[in-house]
C-alpha atoms as a PDB file:
ATOM      1  CA  MET A   1    -139.800 171.841  59.617  1.00  0.00           C
ATOM      2  CA  GLU A   2    -139.714 173.080  56.007  1.00  0.00           C
ATOM      3  CA  ARG A   3    -137.498 176.046  55.200  1.00  0.00           C
ATOM      4  CA  ILE A   4    -139.349 179.237  54.178  1.00  0.00           C
ATOM      5  CA  THR A   5    -137.819 180.849  51.086  1.00  0.00           C
ATOM      6  CA  ASP A   6    -138.287 184.137  49.240  1.00  0.00           C
ATOM      7  CA  LYS A   7    -140.204 182.126  46.628  1.00  0.00           C
ATOM      8  CA  ASN A   8    -142.674 180.917  49.292  1.00  0.00           C
ATOM      9  CA  LEU A   9    -143.213 184.472  50.528  1.00  0.00           C
ATOM     10  CA  GLN A  10    -143.592 185.841  46.989  1.00  0.00           C
ATOM     11  CA  ALA A  11    -146.284 183.239  46.258  1.00  0.00           C
ATOM     12  CA  LEU A  12    -148.261 184.455  49.286  1.00  0.00           C
ATOM     13  CA  CYS A  13    -147.709 188.072  48.267  1.00  0.00           C
ATOM     14  CA  ASP A  14    -149.016 187.322  44.763  1.00  0.00           C
ATOM     15  CA  ARG A  15    -152.028 185.595  46.303  1.00  0.00           C
ATOM     16  CA  ILE A  16    -152.811 188.677  48.405  1.00  0.00           C
ATOM     17  CA  ASN A  17    -152.587 190.890  45.298  1.00  0.00           C
ATOM     18  CA  ARG A  18    -155.013 188.577  43.441  1.00  0.00           C
ATOM     19  CA  ILE A  19    -157.481 188.497  46.365  1.00  0.00           C
ATOM     20  CA  LYS A  20    -157.403 192.301  46.661  1.00  0.00           C
ATOM     21  CA  GLY A  21    -157.498 192.875  42.891  1.00  0.00           C
ATOM     22  CA  ALA A  22    -154.271 194.854  43.238  1.00  0.00           C
ATOM     23  CA  PRO A  23    -151.520 195.351  40.657  1.00  0.00           C
ATOM     24  CA  MET A  24    -148.987 192.511  40.647  1.00  0.00           C
ATOM     25  CA  GLU A  25    -145.924 194.782  40.255  1.00  0.00           C
ATOM     26  CA  PRO A  26    -144.932 197.634  42.583  1.00  0.00           C
ATOM     27  CA  TYR A  27    -144.012 199.996  39.724  1.00  0.00           C
ATOM     28  CA  SER A  28    -145.006 200.504  36.104  1.00  0.00           C
ATOM     29  CA  LYS A  29    -143.669 202.769  33.400  1.00  0.00           C
ATOM     30  CA  GLY A  30    -145.906 205.745  32.695  1.00  0.00           C
ATOM     31  CA  GLU A  31    -146.623 207.255  29.292  1.00  0.00           C
ATOM     32  CA  ASP A  32    -143.827 209.762  29.879  1.00  0.00           C
ATOM     33  CA  GLY A  33    -141.290 206.962  30.449  1.00  0.00           C
ATOM     34  CA  ARG A  34    -141.054 207.569  34.187  1.00  0.00           C
ATOM     35  CA  TYR A  35    -141.795 204.874  36.726  1.00  0.00           C
ATOM     36  CA  VAL A  36    -144.898 205.327  38.848  1.00  0.00           C
ATOM     37  CA  ALA A  37    -145.820 203.381  41.966  1.00  0.00           C
ATOM     38  CA  ASN A  38    -148.856 201.107  41.564  1.00  0.00           C
ATOM     39  CA  VAL A  39    -151.074 202.119  44.480  1.00  0.00           C
ATOM     40  CA  GLY A  40    -152.525 199.099  46.283  1.00  0.00           C
ATOM     41  CA  ASN A  41    -149.718 196.705  45.324  1.00  0.00           C
ATOM     42  CA  TYR A  42    -148.420 194.385  48.045  1.00  0.00           C
ATOM     43  CA  HIS A  43    -144.724 193.542  47.850  1.00  0.00           C
ATOM     44  CA  LEU A  44    -141.864 192.293  49.983  1.00  0.00           C
ATOM     45  CA  SER A  45    -139.118 194.440  51.465  1.00  0.00           C
ATOM     46  CA  HIS A  46    -135.794 193.017  52.631  1.00  0.00           C
ATOM     47  CA  ALA A  47    -133.660 194.917  55.165  1.00  0.00           C
ATOM     48  CA  TYR A  48    -131.806 194.442  58.431  1.00  0.00           C
ATOM     49  CA  GLY A  49    -131.584 190.673  57.850  1.00  0.00           C
ATOM     50  CA  GLY A  50    -135.376 190.332  57.763  1.00  0.00           C
ATOM     51  CA  VAL A  51    -138.352 190.726  55.463  1.00  0.00           C
ATOM     52  CA  SER A  52    -141.590 192.716  55.614  1.00  0.00           C
ATOM     53  CA  LEU A  53    -144.886 192.910  53.718  1.00  0.00           C
ATOM     54  CA  GLU A  54    -145.542 196.422  52.399  1.00  0.00           C
ATOM     55  CA  CYS A  55    -148.475 197.999  50.575  1.00  0.00           C
ATOM     56  CA  MET A  56    -147.951 200.862  48.134  1.00  0.00           C
ATOM     57  CA  CYS A  57    -149.911 203.897  49.428  1.00  0.00           C
ATOM     58  CA  ASN A  58    -149.319 206.609  46.849  1.00  0.00           C
ATOM     59  CA  GLU A  59    -147.883 207.247  43.393  1.00  0.00           C
ATOM     60  CA  GLY A  60    -144.717 208.629  44.959  1.00  0.00           C
ATOM     61  CA  GLY A  61    -143.808 205.217  46.376  1.00  0.00           C
ATOM     62  CA  GLY A  62    -144.935 205.662  49.972  1.00  0.00           C
ATOM     63  CA  VAL A  63    -145.710 202.398  51.731  1.00  0.00           C
ATOM     64  CA  SER A  64    -147.565 201.086  54.754  1.00  0.00           C
ATOM     65  CA  THR A  65    -146.972 197.875  56.658  1.00  0.00           C
ATOM     66  CA  PRO A  66    -150.413 196.224  56.822  1.00  0.00           C
ATOM     67  CA  LEU A  67    -149.242 193.631  59.337  1.00  0.00           C
ATOM     68  CA  GLY A  68    -147.912 196.337  61.650  1.00  0.00           C
ATOM     69  CA  PHE A  69    -144.402 194.928  62.037  1.00  0.00           C
ATOM     70  CA  GLY A  70    -140.969 195.853  60.801  1.00  0.00           C
ATOM     71  CA  HIS A  71    -138.584 193.423  59.159  1.00  0.00           C
ATOM     72  CA  ILE A  72    -138.913 189.994  60.764  1.00  0.00           C
ATOM     73  CA  THR A  73    -137.826 186.436  60.017  1.00  0.00           C
ATOM     74  CA  LYS A  74    -139.173 184.705  56.916  1.00  0.00           C
ATOM     75  CA  ARG A  75    -140.986 182.078  58.986  1.00  0.00           C
ATOM     76  CA  ASP A  76    -142.647 184.674  61.186  1.00  0.00           C
ATOM     77  CA  LEU A  77    -143.742 186.687  58.140  1.00  0.00           C
ATOM     78  CA  TRP A  78    -145.015 183.540  56.396  1.00  0.00           C
ATOM     79  CA  ASN A  79    -147.205 182.711  59.417  1.00  0.00           C
ATOM     80  CA  ARG A  80    -148.552 186.261  59.625  1.00  0.00           C
ATOM     81  CA  MET A  81    -149.243 186.409  55.877  1.00  0.00           C
ATOM     82  CA  GLN A  82    -151.153 183.113  56.092  1.00  0.00           C
ATOM     83  CA  ALA A  83    -153.309 184.598  58.868  1.00  0.00           C
ATOM     84  CA  TYR A  84    -153.820 187.790  56.816  1.00  0.00           C
ATOM     85  CA  ILE A  85    -154.976 185.737  53.820  1.00  0.00           C
ATOM     86  CA  THR A  86    -157.396 183.784  56.014  1.00  0.00           C
ATOM     87  CA  GLY A  87    -158.879 187.071  57.191  1.00  0.00           C
ATOM     88  CA  LEU A  88    -159.215 188.382  53.628  1.00  0.00           C
ATOM     89  CA  GLU A  89    -160.889 185.190  52.434  1.00  0.00           C
ATOM     90  CA  ASP A  90    -163.327 185.105  55.366  1.00  0.00           C
ATOM     91  CA  ARG A  91    -164.915 188.423  54.367  1.00  0.00           C
END
């Protein structure tokens, strides 16, 4: 079984952003020099020894977890992200 790395997960995350037409980076610098959250961006979060897919919900940096799980193993997240992509592409 092939090891799932952060690079593998980031590639899937980038693919989701392209499919959804979402910004590729979670934050961008505004005209005033302050960072602003890019609403709609999908990105990875690492905590508690696991990883999660998050979607930026508002300009203040609030996030949702579109897969409905907390931080899980890389392999588990990879499988769930693959299923999520299949659902997006089947629309």
